[in-house]
Amino acid sequence: MNQELSSQIYKQIEIVGSSPDGVDAAIVAALERASQSLHGLRWFEVVSIRGGIENEQVREWQVTLKVAFVLDEADA
């Protein structure tokens, strides 16, 4: 089947990234790590943002993401 005409099926998982440098850095860290194990990443959705506190200061940011990737085509 022509790849351009075929439907793509996605798998969605949840991952959590963390960084002391802010929300954007936590997202980038999570996506960079996920891309080492998964291929075909297509989109992400931020589900929640939270932070850790230590000595009355923000210690780190944690971001929960839903990440979707394309499933491999089945063998014909």
N, C-alpha and C. Protein backbone atom coordinates (compact mmCIF):
# COMPACT_ATOMS: atom_id res chain seq x y z
N MET A 1 0.85 -1.17 0.00
CA MET A 1 0.00 0.00 0.00
C MET A 1 0.89 1.24 0.00
N ASN A 2 0.53 2.25 -0.70
CA ASN A 2 1.26 3.49 -0.76
C ASN A 2 1.31 4.11 0.64
N GLN A 3 2.54 4.42 1.12
CA GLN A 3 2.70 4.96 2.47
C GLN A 3 1.92 6.26 2.66
N GLU A 4 1.86 7.09 1.61
CA GLU A 4 1.16 8.35 1.72
C GLU A 4 -0.34 8.16 1.91
N LEU A 5 -0.89 7.05 1.40
CA LEU A 5 -2.33 6.81 1.48
C LEU A 5 -2.71 5.95 2.67
N SER A 6 -1.74 5.30 3.28
CA SER A 6 -2.08 4.40 4.39
C SER A 6 -2.32 5.18 5.67
N SER A 7 -3.13 4.62 6.54
CA SER A 7 -3.39 5.22 7.85
C SER A 7 -2.21 4.94 8.76
N GLN A 8 -1.93 5.86 9.64
CA GLN A 8 -0.90 5.62 10.63
C GLN A 8 -1.57 5.34 11.97
N ILE A 9 -1.04 4.37 12.68
CA ILE A 9 -1.55 4.00 13.99
C ILE A 9 -0.50 4.40 15.02
N TYR A 10 -0.94 5.03 16.08
CA TYR A 10 -0.04 5.55 17.10
C TYR A 10 -0.20 4.77 18.41
N LYS A 11 0.88 4.66 19.13
CA LYS A 11 0.89 4.15 20.49
C LYS A 11 1.17 5.35 21.39
N GLN A 12 0.47 5.45 22.49
CA GLN A 12 0.63 6.58 23.42
C GLN A 12 1.09 6.04 24.76
N ILE A 13 2.11 6.67 25.31
CA ILE A 13 2.61 6.30 26.64
C ILE A 13 2.78 7.56 27.47
N GLU A 14 2.99 7.37 28.76
CA GLU A 14 3.25 8.49 29.66
C GLU A 14 4.68 8.41 30.16
N ILE A 15 5.35 9.54 30.16
CA ILE A 15 6.71 9.63 30.70
C ILE A 15 6.79 10.86 31.60
N VAL A 16 7.80 10.89 32.46
CA VAL A 16 8.01 12.03 33.34
C VAL A 16 9.45 12.50 33.17
N GLY A 17 9.61 13.80 32.89
CA GLY A 17 10.93 14.40 32.80
C GLY A 17 11.13 15.33 33.98
N SER A 18 12.38 15.49 34.39
CA SER A 18 12.65 16.41 35.49
C SER A 18 13.91 17.21 35.19
N SER A 19 13.98 18.40 35.77
CA SER A 19 15.14 19.26 35.61
C SER A 19 15.10 20.36 36.67
N PRO A 20 16.25 20.74 37.17
CA PRO A 20 16.30 21.88 38.08
C PRO A 20 16.21 23.21 37.32
N ASP A 21 16.28 23.14 35.99
CA ASP A 21 16.37 24.35 35.16
C ASP A 21 15.04 24.81 34.58
N GLY A 22 13.92 24.22 34.99
CA GLY A 22 12.62 24.69 34.54
C GLY A 22 11.82 23.67 33.75
N VAL A 23 10.61 24.07 33.44
CA VAL A 23 9.65 23.19 32.75
C VAL A 23 10.14 22.82 31.36
N ASP A 24 10.58 23.82 30.58
CA ASP A 24 11.06 23.53 29.22
C ASP A 24 12.21 22.52 29.23
N ALA A 25 13.13 22.69 30.15
CA ALA A 25 14.27 21.78 30.25
C ALA A 25 13.81 20.37 30.63
N ALA A 26 12.80 20.27 31.49
CA ALA A 26 12.26 18.95 31.87
C ALA A 26 11.60 18.27 30.68
N ILE A 27 10.88 19.04 29.86
CA ILE A 27 10.25 18.48 28.65
C ILE A 27 11.31 17.99 27.69
N VAL A 28 12.31 18.82 27.44
CA VAL A 28 13.38 18.44 26.50
C VAL A 28 14.11 17.19 27.00
N ALA A 29 14.41 17.13 28.29
CA ALA A 29 15.09 15.96 28.85
C ALA A 29 14.27 14.69 28.65
N ALA A 30 12.97 14.78 28.90
CA ALA A 30 12.10 13.61 28.74
C ALA A 30 12.04 13.16 27.29
N LEU A 31 11.90 14.10 26.37
CA LEU A 31 11.80 13.74 24.95
C LEU A 31 13.13 13.21 24.41
N GLU A 32 14.24 13.81 24.83
CA GLU A 32 15.54 13.31 24.39
C GLU A 32 15.77 11.88 24.86
N ARG A 33 15.42 11.60 26.10
CA ARG A 33 15.59 10.24 26.63
C ARG A 33 14.65 9.26 25.95
N ALA A 34 13.40 9.65 25.74
CA ALA A 34 12.44 8.77 25.08
C ALA A 34 12.89 8.44 23.67
N SER A 35 13.49 9.40 22.97
CA SER A 35 13.91 9.17 21.59
C SER A 35 15.07 8.18 21.50
N GLN A 36 15.75 7.90 22.61
CA GLN A 36 16.80 6.88 22.62
C GLN A 36 16.22 5.47 22.59
N SER A 37 15.01 5.31 23.09
CA SER A 37 14.36 4.00 23.16
C SER A 37 13.27 3.82 22.12
N LEU A 38 12.65 4.91 21.71
CA LEU A 38 11.51 4.85 20.80
C LEU A 38 11.85 5.57 19.51
N HIS A 39 11.29 5.10 18.40
CA HIS A 39 11.45 5.83 17.15
C HIS A 39 10.08 6.22 16.63
N GLY A 40 10.06 7.20 15.78
CA GLY A 40 8.79 7.64 15.21
C GLY A 40 7.98 8.51 16.15
N LEU A 41 8.63 9.22 17.09
CA LEU A 41 7.89 10.12 17.97
C LEU A 41 7.20 11.18 17.12
N ARG A 42 5.92 11.46 17.43
CA ARG A 42 5.16 12.40 16.62
C ARG A 42 4.62 13.60 17.39
N TRP A 43 4.20 13.41 18.63
CA TRP A 43 3.63 14.53 19.39
C TRP A 43 3.70 14.22 20.88
N PHE A 44 3.52 15.29 21.65
CA PHE A 44 3.44 15.13 23.10
C PHE A 44 2.39 16.10 23.64
N GLU A 45 1.90 15.75 24.81
CA GLU A 45 0.92 16.58 25.52
C GLU A 45 1.37 16.68 26.96
N VAL A 46 1.43 17.88 27.49
CA VAL A 46 1.77 18.06 28.90
C VAL A 46 0.53 17.74 29.73
N VAL A 47 0.66 16.75 30.60
CA VAL A 47 -0.45 16.30 31.43
C VAL A 47 -0.44 17.01 32.78
N SER A 48 0.75 17.15 33.36
CA SER A 48 0.84 17.83 34.65
C SER A 48 2.24 18.39 34.85
N ILE A 49 2.29 19.39 35.69
CA ILE A 49 3.56 20.01 36.07
C ILE A 49 3.57 20.08 37.60
N ARG A 50 4.68 19.68 38.17
CA ARG A 50 4.83 19.78 39.62
C ARG A 50 6.31 20.05 39.91
N GLY A 51 6.59 20.39 41.14
CA GLY A 51 7.97 20.69 41.50
C GLY A 51 8.31 20.17 42.88
N GLY A 52 9.59 19.97 43.07
CA GLY A 52 10.10 19.58 44.37
C GLY A 52 10.69 20.78 45.08
N ILE A 53 10.52 20.83 46.39
CA ILE A 53 11.01 21.95 47.20
C ILE A 53 12.03 21.43 48.20
N GLU A 54 13.10 22.20 48.33
CA GLU A 54 14.12 21.86 49.32
C GLU A 54 14.64 23.17 49.91
N ASN A 55 14.66 23.27 51.23
CA ASN A 55 15.12 24.50 51.90
C ASN A 55 14.37 25.73 51.39
N GLU A 56 13.06 25.57 51.25
CA GLU A 56 12.17 26.65 50.82
C GLU A 56 12.49 27.20 49.43
N GLN A 57 13.17 26.40 48.62
CA GLN A 57 13.51 26.77 47.24
C GLN A 57 13.05 25.66 46.29
N VAL A 58 12.74 26.04 45.06
CA VAL A 58 12.40 25.03 44.05
C VAL A 58 13.66 24.21 43.77
N ARG A 59 13.55 22.92 43.99
CA ARG A 59 14.68 22.01 43.77
C ARG A 59 14.70 21.50 42.35
N GLU A 60 13.52 21.11 41.84
CA GLU A 60 13.40 20.60 40.48
C GLU A 60 11.97 20.71 39.99
N TRP A 61 11.83 20.70 38.70
CA TRP A 61 10.53 20.67 38.04
C TRP A 61 10.33 19.28 37.46
N GLN A 62 9.11 18.77 37.59
CA GLN A 62 8.74 17.48 37.00
C GLN A 62 7.55 17.70 36.08
N VAL A 63 7.65 17.17 34.88
CA VAL A 63 6.60 17.33 33.88
C VAL A 63 6.18 15.95 33.40
N THR A 64 4.89 15.64 33.53
CA THR A 64 4.35 14.38 33.00
C THR A 64 3.84 14.66 31.60
N LEU A 65 4.30 13.83 30.66
CA LEU A 65 3.93 13.98 29.25
C LEU A 65 3.26 12.72 28.74
N LYS A 66 2.26 12.88 27.89
CA LYS A 66 1.79 11.79 27.05
C LYS A 66 2.56 11.95 25.74
N VAL A 67 3.17 10.88 25.29
CA VAL A 67 3.99 10.90 24.08
C VAL A 67 3.43 9.85 23.14
N ALA A 68 3.31 10.21 21.87
CA ALA A 68 2.80 9.26 20.88
C ALA A 68 3.87 9.01 19.82
N PHE A 69 3.92 7.76 19.36
CA PHE A 69 4.82 7.39 18.29
C PHE A 69 4.09 6.47 17.33
N VAL A 70 4.57 6.42 16.10
CA VAL A 70 3.95 5.61 15.06
C VAL A 70 4.36 4.16 15.25
N LEU A 71 3.40 3.25 15.20
CA LEU A 71 3.72 1.84 15.27
C LEU A 71 4.29 1.40 13.92
N ASP A 72 5.25 0.48 13.96
CA ASP A 72 5.82 -0.05 12.73
C ASP A 72 4.73 -0.73 11.90
N GLU A 73 4.89 -0.67 10.58
CA GLU A 73 3.98 -1.36 9.69
C GLU A 73 4.12 -2.87 9.89
N ALA A 74 3.00 -3.57 9.85
CA ALA A 74 3.03 -5.03 9.96
C ALA A 74 3.63 -5.60 8.69
N ASP A 75 4.34 -6.72 8.81
CA ASP A 75 4.92 -7.37 7.63
C ASP A 75 3.80 -7.82 6.71
N ALA A 76 3.99 -7.60 5.43
CA ALA A 76 2.99 -7.99 4.44
C ALA A 76 3.01 -9.46 4.16
